[in-house]
């Protein structure tokens, strides 16, 4: 019977969430304030920057939710070995 404990180990999911969040925020701002009507006309009437930015922000939220709901777990005996070293 192995007892699992929560650990504060390095989690790559948070790095991915941070990067997608930054790119999503930049694209959303560009889509809202910088994209011209001419650029929207070139993309078949779709504000691609805005929609891509919003999509990346949703992905960021999903990654953060994933980290919160399924945190990394390390067996208790392995955690003790790492702290002794």
PDB file of N, CA and C in Angstrom:
ATOM      1  N   UNK A   1       0.849  -1.182   0.000  1.00  0.00           N
ATOM      2  CA  UNK A   1       0.000   0.000   0.000  1.00  0.00           C
ATOM      3  C   UNK A   1       0.891   1.240   0.000  1.00  0.00           C
ATOM      4  N   UNK A   2       0.840   2.009  -1.071  1.00  0.00           N
ATOM      5  CA  UNK A   2       1.681   3.196  -1.150  1.00  0.00           C
ATOM      6  C   UNK A   2       0.849   4.441  -0.872  1.00  0.00           C
ATOM      7  N   UNK A   3       1.326   5.237   0.038  1.00  0.00           N
ATOM      8  CA  UNK A   3       0.663   6.489   0.363  1.00  0.00           C
ATOM      9  C   UNK A   3       1.234   7.573  -0.535  1.00  0.00           C
ATOM     10  N   UNK A   4       0.355   8.286  -1.228  1.00  0.00           N
ATOM     11  CA  UNK A   4       0.811   9.355  -2.096  1.00  0.00           C
ATOM     12  C   UNK A   4       0.649  10.688  -1.391  1.00  0.00           C
ATOM     13  N   UNK A   5       1.551  11.586  -1.676  1.00  0.00           N
ATOM     14  CA  UNK A   5       1.510  12.910  -1.083  1.00  0.00           C
ATOM     15  C   UNK A   5       1.667  13.958  -2.166  1.00  0.00           C
ATOM     16  N   UNK A   6       1.154  15.105  -1.920  1.00  0.00           N
ATOM     17  CA  UNK A   6       1.280  16.207  -2.875  1.00  0.00           C
ATOM     18  C   UNK A   6       2.694  16.765  -2.799  1.00  0.00           C
ATOM     19  N   UNK A   7       3.221  17.129  -3.943  1.00  0.00           N
ATOM     20  CA  UNK A   7       4.575  17.645  -3.983  1.00  0.00           C
ATOM     21  C   UNK A   7       4.624  18.934  -4.793  1.00  0.00           C
ATOM     22  N   UNK A   8       5.614  19.736  -4.544  1.00  0.00           N
ATOM     23  CA  UNK A   8       5.765  20.987  -5.290  1.00  0.00           C
ATOM     24  C   UNK A   8       6.859  20.831  -6.338  1.00  0.00           C
ATOM     25  N   UNK A   9       6.822  19.739  -7.062  1.00  0.00           N
ATOM     26  CA  UNK A   9       7.823  19.461  -8.092  1.00  0.00           C
ATOM     27  C   UNK A   9       7.629  20.386  -9.290  1.00  0.00           C
ATOM     28  N   UNK A  10       8.652  20.490 -10.102  1.00  0.00           N
ATOM     29  CA  UNK A  10       8.594  21.268 -11.335  1.00  0.00           C
ATOM     30  C   UNK A  10       7.523  20.687 -12.234  1.00  0.00           C
ATOM     31  N   UNK A  11       6.639  21.516 -12.740  1.00  0.00           N
ATOM     32  CA  UNK A  11       5.541  21.046 -13.574  1.00  0.00           C
ATOM     33  C   UNK A  11       5.546  21.826 -14.890  1.00  0.00           C
ATOM     34  N   UNK A  12       5.836  21.145 -15.975  1.00  0.00           N
ATOM     35  CA  UNK A  12       5.943  21.781 -17.283  1.00  0.00           C
ATOM     36  C   UNK A  12       4.603  22.343 -17.756  1.00  0.00           C
ATOM     37  N   UNK A  13       3.506  21.829 -17.212  1.00  0.00           N
ATOM     38  CA  UNK A  13       2.188  22.317 -17.617  1.00  0.00           C
ATOM     39  C   UNK A  13       2.016  23.793 -17.278  1.00  0.00           C
ATOM     40  N   UNK A  14       2.613  24.242 -16.182  1.00  0.00           N
ATOM     41  CA  UNK A  14       2.514  25.659 -15.828  1.00  0.00           C
ATOM     42  C   UNK A  14       3.321  26.541 -16.771  1.00  0.00           C
ATOM     43  N   UNK A  15       4.458  26.046 -17.233  1.00  0.00           N
ATOM     44  CA  UNK A  15       5.265  26.801 -18.198  1.00  0.00           C
ATOM     45  C   UNK A  15       4.499  26.929 -19.515  1.00  0.00           C
ATOM     46  N   UNK A  16       3.871  25.840 -19.959  1.00  0.00           N
ATOM     47  CA  UNK A  16       3.084  25.884 -21.187  1.00  0.00           C
ATOM     48  C   UNK A  16       1.911  26.851 -21.025  1.00  0.00           C
ATOM     49  N   UNK A  17       1.256  26.823 -19.877  1.00  0.00           N
ATOM     50  CA  UNK A  17       0.141  27.743 -19.618  1.00  0.00           C
ATOM     51  C   UNK A  17       0.613  29.192 -19.656  1.00  0.00           C
ATOM     52  N   UNK A  18       1.755  29.462 -19.067  1.00  0.00           N
ATOM     53  CA  UNK A  18       2.285  30.825 -19.063  1.00  0.00           C
ATOM     54  C   UNK A  18       2.579  31.305 -20.482  1.00  0.00           C
ATOM     55  N   UNK A  19       3.242  30.470 -21.277  1.00  0.00           N
ATOM     56  CA  UNK A  19       3.579  30.870 -22.648  1.00  0.00           C
ATOM     57  C   UNK A  19       2.334  31.077 -23.502  1.00  0.00           C
ATOM     58  N   UNK A  20       1.389  30.157 -23.435  1.00  0.00           N
ATOM     59  CA  UNK A  20       0.178  30.332 -24.232  1.00  0.00           C
ATOM     60  C   UNK A  20      -0.636  31.525 -23.746  1.00  0.00           C
ATOM     61  N   UNK A  21      -0.596  31.802 -22.456  1.00  0.00           N
ATOM     62  CA  UNK A  21      -1.299  32.959 -21.917  1.00  0.00           C
ATOM     63  C   UNK A  21      -0.710  34.273 -22.412  1.00  0.00           C
ATOM     64  N   UNK A  22       0.621  34.347 -22.438  1.00  0.00           N
ATOM     65  CA  UNK A  22       1.273  35.571 -22.926  1.00  0.00           C
ATOM     66  C   UNK A  22       0.967  35.773 -24.411  1.00  0.00           C
ATOM     67  N   UNK A  23       1.147  34.723 -25.207  1.00  0.00           N
ATOM     68  CA  UNK A  23       0.848  34.843 -26.638  1.00  0.00           C
ATOM     69  C   UNK A  23      -0.636  35.144 -26.862  1.00  0.00           C
ATOM     70  N   UNK A  24      -1.499  34.520 -26.093  1.00  0.00           N
ATOM     71  CA  UNK A  24      -2.935  34.772 -26.222  1.00  0.00           C
ATOM     72  C   UNK A  24      -3.293  36.207 -25.889  1.00  0.00           C
ATOM     73  N   UNK A  25      -2.688  36.752 -24.840  1.00  0.00           N
ATOM     74  CA  UNK A  25      -2.971  38.137 -24.458  1.00  0.00           C
ATOM     75  C   UNK A  25      -2.487  39.104 -25.538  1.00  0.00           C
ATOM     76  N   UNK A  26      -1.301  38.859 -26.071  1.00  0.00           N
ATOM     77  CA  UNK A  26      -0.766  39.733 -27.123  1.00  0.00           C
ATOM     78  C   UNK A  26      -1.661  39.694 -28.360  1.00  0.00           C
ATOM     79  N   UNK A  27      -2.035  38.500 -28.794  1.00  0.00           N
ATOM     80  CA  UNK A  27      -2.885  38.397 -29.986  1.00  0.00           C
ATOM     81  C   UNK A  27      -4.260  39.002 -29.756  1.00  0.00           C
ATOM     82  N   UNK A  28      -4.805  38.843 -28.554  1.00  0.00           N
ATOM     83  CA  UNK A  28      -6.111  39.427 -28.264  1.00  0.00           C
ATOM     84  C   UNK A  28      -6.046  40.947 -28.320  1.00  0.00           C
ATOM     85  N   UNK A  29      -5.015  41.531 -27.743  1.00  0.00           N
ATOM     86  CA  UNK A  29      -4.855  42.995 -27.789  1.00  0.00           C
ATOM     87  C   UNK A  29      -4.666  43.450 -29.231  1.00  0.00           C
ATOM     88  N   UNK A  30      -3.846  42.722 -29.994  1.00  0.00           N
ATOM     89  CA  UNK A  30      -3.669  43.078 -31.408  1.00  0.00           C
ATOM     90  C   UNK A  30      -4.994  42.984 -32.164  1.00  0.00           C
ATOM     91  N   UNK A  31      -5.752  41.948 -31.900  1.00  0.00           N
ATOM     92  CA  UNK A  31      -7.027  41.770 -32.590  1.00  0.00           C
ATOM     93  C   UNK A  31      -8.034  42.849 -32.249  1.00  0.00           C
ATOM     94  N   UNK A  32      -8.020  43.302 -30.999  1.00  0.00           N
ATOM     95  CA  UNK A  32      -8.987  44.314 -30.572  1.00  0.00           C
ATOM     96  C   UNK A  32      -8.615  45.726 -31.000  1.00  0.00           C
ATOM     97  N   UNK A  33      -7.318  46.058 -30.952  1.00  0.00           N
ATOM     98  CA  UNK A  33      -6.931  47.452 -31.111  1.00  0.00           C
ATOM     99  C   UNK A  33      -6.050  47.768 -32.319  1.00  0.00           C
ATOM    100  N   UNK A  34      -5.385  46.781 -32.904  1.00  0.00           N
ATOM    101  CA  UNK A  34      -4.401  47.084 -33.940  1.00  0.00           C
ATOM    102  C   UNK A  34      -4.831  46.600 -35.321  1.00  0.00           C
ATOM    103  N   UNK A  35      -5.552  45.520 -35.391  1.00  0.00           N
ATOM    104  CA  UNK A  35      -5.913  44.930 -36.681  1.00  0.00           C
ATOM    105  C   UNK A  35      -6.835  45.873 -37.460  1.00  0.00           C
ATOM    106  N   UNK A  36      -6.451  46.155 -38.703  1.00  0.00           N
ATOM    107  CA  UNK A  36      -7.233  47.084 -39.535  1.00  0.00           C
ATOM    108  C   UNK A  36      -8.320  46.326 -40.301  1.00  0.00           C
ATOM    109  N   UNK A  37      -9.254  47.085 -40.833  1.00  0.00           N
ATOM    110  CA  UNK A  37     -10.323  46.491 -41.645  1.00  0.00           C
ATOM    111  C   UNK A  37      -9.754  45.838 -42.896  1.00  0.00           C
ATOM    112  N   UNK A  38      -8.684  46.416 -43.443  1.00  0.00           N
ATOM    113  CA  UNK A  38      -8.052  45.846 -44.630  1.00  0.00           C
ATOM    114  C   UNK A  38      -7.481  44.457 -44.318  1.00  0.00           C
ATOM    115  N   UNK A  39      -6.861  44.305 -43.173  1.00  0.00           N
ATOM    116  CA  UNK A  39      -6.316  43.002 -42.777  1.00  0.00           C
ATOM    117  C   UNK A  39      -7.436  41.987 -42.534  1.00  0.00           C
ATOM    118  N   UNK A  40      -8.545  42.444 -41.968  1.00  0.00           N
ATOM    119  CA  UNK A  40      -9.689  41.551 -41.742  1.00  0.00           C
ATOM    120  C   UNK A  40     -10.287  41.117 -43.081  1.00  0.00           C
ATOM    121  N   UNK A  41     -10.345  42.029 -44.045  1.00  0.00           N
ATOM    122  CA  UNK A  41     -10.847  41.682 -45.369  1.00  0.00           C
ATOM    123  C   UNK A  41      -9.954  40.638 -46.049  1.00  0.00           C
ATOM    124  N   UNK A  42      -8.635  40.718 -45.835  1.00  0.00           N
ATOM    125  CA  UNK A  42      -7.708  39.743 -46.414  1.00  0.00           C
ATOM    126  C   UNK A  42      -7.954  38.340 -45.856  1.00  0.00           C
ATOM    127  N   UNK A  43      -8.475  38.267 -44.651  1.00  0.00           N
ATOM    128  CA  UNK A  43      -8.677  36.956 -44.010  1.00  0.00           C
ATOM    129  C   UNK A  43     -10.138  36.536 -44.060  1.00  0.00           C
ATOM    130  N   UNK A  44     -10.794  36.835 -45.155  1.00  0.00           N
ATOM    131  CA  UNK A  44     -12.184  36.434 -45.398  1.00  0.00           C
ATOM    132  C   UNK A  44     -13.146  36.980 -44.360  1.00  0.00           C
ATOM    133  N   UNK A  45     -12.852  38.170 -43.851  1.00  0.00           N
ATOM    134  CA  UNK A  45     -13.749  38.827 -42.917  1.00  0.00           C
ATOM    135  C   UNK A  45     -13.660  38.340 -41.485  1.00  0.00           C
ATOM    136  N   UNK A  46     -12.622  37.581 -41.172  1.00  0.00           N
ATOM    137  CA  UNK A  46     -12.449  37.044 -39.819  1.00  0.00           C
ATOM    138  C   UNK A  46     -11.257  37.733 -39.158  1.00  0.00           C
ATOM    139  N   UNK A  47     -11.453  38.186 -37.938  1.00  0.00           N
ATOM    140  CA  UNK A  47     -10.355  38.787 -37.176  1.00  0.00           C
ATOM    141  C   UNK A  47      -9.539  37.652 -36.560  1.00  0.00           C
ATOM    142  N   UNK A  48      -8.568  37.160 -37.327  1.00  0.00           N
ATOM    143  CA  UNK A  48      -7.808  35.981 -36.936  1.00  0.00           C
ATOM    144  C   UNK A  48      -7.030  36.212 -35.654  1.00  0.00           C
ATOM    145  N   UNK A  49      -6.432  37.381 -35.503  1.00  0.00           N
ATOM    146  CA  UNK A  49      -5.666  37.663 -34.280  1.00  0.00           C
ATOM    147  C   UNK A  49      -6.545  37.556 -33.035  1.00  0.00           C
ATOM    148  N   UNK A  50      -7.727  38.101 -33.107  1.00  0.00           N
ATOM    149  CA  UNK A  50      -8.634  38.063 -31.968  1.00  0.00           C
ATOM    150  C   UNK A  50      -9.039  36.632 -31.631  1.00  0.00           C
ATOM    151  N   UNK A  51      -9.466  35.870 -32.624  1.00  0.00           N
ATOM    152  CA  UNK A  51      -9.931  34.510 -32.361  1.00  0.00           C
ATOM    153  C   UNK A  51      -8.800  33.589 -31.927  1.00  0.00           C
ATOM    154  N   UNK A  52      -7.626  33.744 -32.514  1.00  0.00           N
ATOM    155  CA  UNK A  52      -6.480  32.926 -32.095  1.00  0.00           C
ATOM    156  C   UNK A  52      -6.073  33.280 -30.665  1.00  0.00           C
ATOM    157  N   UNK A  53      -6.088  34.563 -30.341  1.00  0.00           N
ATOM    158  CA  UNK A  53      -5.746  34.991 -28.984  1.00  0.00           C
ATOM    159  C   UNK A  53      -6.730  34.455 -27.954  1.00  0.00           C
ATOM    160  N   UNK A  54      -8.012  34.527 -28.261  1.00  0.00           N
ATOM    161  CA  UNK A  54      -9.020  33.997 -27.336  1.00  0.00           C
ATOM    162  C   UNK A  54      -8.884  32.484 -27.186  1.00  0.00           C
ATOM    163  N   UNK A  55      -8.579  31.809 -28.292  1.00  0.00           N
ATOM    164  CA  UNK A  55      -8.370  30.366 -28.234  1.00  0.00           C
ATOM    165  C   UNK A  55      -7.185  29.998 -27.354  1.00  0.00           C
ATOM    166  N   UNK A  56      -6.084  30.742 -27.468  1.00  0.00           N
ATOM    167  CA  UNK A  56      -4.915  30.483 -26.629  1.00  0.00           C
ATOM    168  C   UNK A  56      -5.205  30.765 -25.159  1.00  0.00           C
ATOM    169  N   UNK A  57      -6.002  31.780 -24.873  1.00  0.00           N
ATOM    170  CA  UNK A  57      -6.370  32.052 -23.482  1.00  0.00           C
ATOM    171  C   UNK A  57      -7.225  30.923 -22.903  1.00  0.00           C
ATOM    172  N   UNK A  58      -8.091  30.346 -23.729  1.00  0.00           N
ATOM    173  CA  UNK A  58      -8.885  29.193 -23.273  1.00  0.00           C
ATOM    174  C   UNK A  58      -7.966  27.996 -23.002  1.00  0.00           C
ATOM    175  N   UNK A  59      -6.995  27.770 -23.879  1.00  0.00           N
ATOM    176  CA  UNK A  59      -6.030  26.678 -23.667  1.00  0.00           C
ATOM    177  C   UNK A  59      -5.261  26.900 -22.372  1.00  0.00           C
ATOM    178  N   UNK A  60      -4.859  28.140 -22.108  1.00  0.00           N
ATOM    179  CA  UNK A  60      -4.153  28.452 -20.868  1.00  0.00           C
ATOM    180  C   UNK A  60      -5.014  28.102 -19.657  1.00  0.00           C
ATOM    181  N   UNK A  61      -6.283  28.490 -19.699  1.00  0.00           N
ATOM    182  CA  UNK A  61      -7.180  28.183 -18.585  1.00  0.00           C
ATOM    183  C   UNK A  61      -7.348  26.688 -18.399  1.00  0.00           C
ATOM    184  N   UNK A  62      -7.406  25.942 -19.483  1.00  0.00           N
ATOM    185  CA  UNK A  62      -7.518  24.486 -19.382  1.00  0.00           C
ATOM    186  C   UNK A  62      -6.269  23.864 -18.757  1.00  0.00           C
ATOM    187  N   UNK A  63      -5.091  24.364 -19.114  1.00  0.00           N
ATOM    188  CA  UNK A  63      -3.862  23.858 -18.515  1.00  0.00           C
ATOM    189  C   UNK A  63      -3.817  24.154 -17.013  1.00  0.00           C
ATOM    190  N   UNK A  64      -4.196  25.358 -16.625  1.00  0.00           N
ATOM    191  CA  UNK A  64      -4.206  25.706 -15.202  1.00  0.00           C
ATOM    192  C   UNK A  64      -5.223  24.852 -14.450  1.00  0.00           C
ATOM    193  N   UNK A  65      -6.370  24.637 -15.044  1.00  0.00           N
ATOM    194  CA  UNK A  65      -7.374  23.772 -14.432  1.00  0.00           C
ATOM    195  C   UNK A  65      -6.854  22.348 -14.289  1.00  0.00           C
ATOM    196  N   UNK A  66      -6.159  21.852 -15.289  1.00  0.00           N
ATOM    197  CA  UNK A  66      -5.562  20.521 -15.249  1.00  0.00           C
ATOM    198  C   UNK A  66      -4.551  20.408 -14.109  1.00  0.00           C
ATOM    199  N   UNK A  67      -3.721  21.427 -13.948  1.00  0.00           N
ATOM    200  CA  UNK A  67      -2.728  21.415 -12.867  1.00  0.00           C
ATOM    201  C   UNK A  67      -3.414  21.420 -11.506  1.00  0.00           C
ATOM    202  N   UNK A  68      -4.478  22.187 -11.376  1.00  0.00           N
ATOM    203  CA  UNK A  68      -5.185  22.273 -10.095  1.00  0.00           C
ATOM    204  C   UNK A  68      -5.929  20.979  -9.761  1.00  0.00           C
ATOM    205  N   UNK A  69      -6.555  20.359 -10.781  1.00  0.00           N
ATOM    206  CA  UNK A  69      -7.345  19.161 -10.529  1.00  0.00           C
ATOM    207  C   UNK A  69      -6.503  17.895 -10.434  1.00  0.00           C
ATOM    208  N   UNK A  70      -5.393  17.831 -11.165  1.00  0.00           N
ATOM    209  CA  UNK A  70      -4.540  16.647 -11.167  1.00  0.00           C
ATOM    210  C   UNK A  70      -3.087  17.038 -10.881  1.00  0.00           C
ATOM    211  N   UNK A  71      -2.781  17.414  -9.635  1.00  0.00           N
ATOM    212  CA  UNK A  71      -1.402  17.823  -9.322  1.00  0.00           C
ATOM    213  C   UNK A  71      -0.452  16.633  -9.406  1.00  0.00           C
ATOM    214  N   UNK A  72       0.823  16.944  -9.596  1.00  0.00           N
ATOM    215  CA  UNK A  72       1.834  15.888  -9.606  1.00  0.00           C
ATOM    216  C   UNK A  72       1.889  15.248  -8.233  1.00  0.00           C
ATOM    217  N   UNK A  73       1.970  13.948  -8.219  1.00  0.00           N
ATOM    218  CA  UNK A  73       2.054  13.228  -6.952  1.00  0.00           C
ATOM    219  C   UNK A  73       3.290  12.347  -6.973  1.00  0.00           C
ATOM    220  N   UNK A  74       3.920  12.244  -5.835  1.00  0.00           N
ATOM    221  CA  UNK A  74       5.135  11.478  -5.671  1.00  0.00           C
ATOM    222  C   UNK A  74       4.934  10.541  -4.497  1.00  0.00           C
ATOM    223  N   UNK A  75       5.281   9.258  -4.632  1.00  0.00           N
ATOM    224  CA  UNK A  75       5.133   8.360  -3.482  1.00  0.00           C
ATOM    225  C   UNK A  75       5.911   8.882  -2.273  1.00  0.00           C
ATOM    226  N   UNK A  76       5.345   8.694  -1.093  1.00  0.00           N
ATOM    227  CA  UNK A  76       5.934   9.238   0.128  1.00  0.00           C
ATOM    228  C   UNK A  76       7.342   8.709   0.364  1.00  0.00           C
ATOM    229  N   UNK A  77       7.602   7.423   0.107  1.00  0.00           N
ATOM    230  CA  UNK A  77       8.935   6.892   0.341  1.00  0.00           C
ATOM    231  C   UNK A  77       9.958   7.477  -0.618  1.00  0.00           C
ATOM    232  N   UNK A  78       9.568   7.765  -1.859  1.00  0.00           N
ATOM    233  CA  UNK A  78      10.474   8.385  -2.815  1.00  0.00           C
ATOM    234  C   UNK A  78      10.751   9.839  -2.434  1.00  0.00           C
ATOM    235  N   UNK A  79       9.765  10.524  -1.898  1.00  0.00           N
ATOM    236  CA  UNK A  79       9.950  11.914  -1.467  1.00  0.00           C
ATOM    237  C   UNK A  79      10.974  11.980  -0.342  1.00  0.00           C
ATOM    238  N   UNK A  80      10.931  11.038   0.599  1.00  0.00           N
ATOM    239  CA  UNK A  80      11.903  11.015   1.688  1.00  0.00           C
ATOM    240  C   UNK A  80      13.297  10.777   1.181  1.00  0.00           C
ATOM    241  N   UNK A  81      13.473   9.931   0.175  1.00  0.00           N
ATOM    242  CA  UNK A  81      14.790   9.666  -0.388  1.00  0.00           C
ATOM    243  C   UNK A  81      15.357  10.921  -1.029  1.00  0.00           C
ATOM    244  N   UNK A  82      14.507  11.697  -1.718  1.00  0.00           N
ATOM    245  CA  UNK A  82      14.980  12.917  -2.381  1.00  0.00           C
ATOM    246  C   UNK A  82      15.372  13.984  -1.374  1.00  0.00           C
ATOM    247  N   UNK A  83      14.692  14.085  -0.261  1.00  0.00           N
ATOM    248  CA  UNK A  83      15.028  15.107   0.730  1.00  0.00           C
ATOM    249  C   UNK A  83      16.284  14.731   1.500  1.00  0.00           C
ATOM    250  N   UNK A  84      16.598  13.439   1.606  1.00  0.00           N
ATOM    251  CA  UNK A  84      17.813  13.017   2.299  1.00  0.00           C
ATOM    252  C   UNK A  84      19.048  13.275   1.482  1.00  0.00           C
ATOM    253  N   UNK A  85      18.943  13.247   0.157  1.00  0.00           N
ATOM    254  CA  UNK A  85      20.099  13.405  -0.721  1.00  0.00           C
ATOM    255  C   UNK A  85      20.572  14.827  -0.780  1.00  0.00           C
TER     256      UNK A  85
END
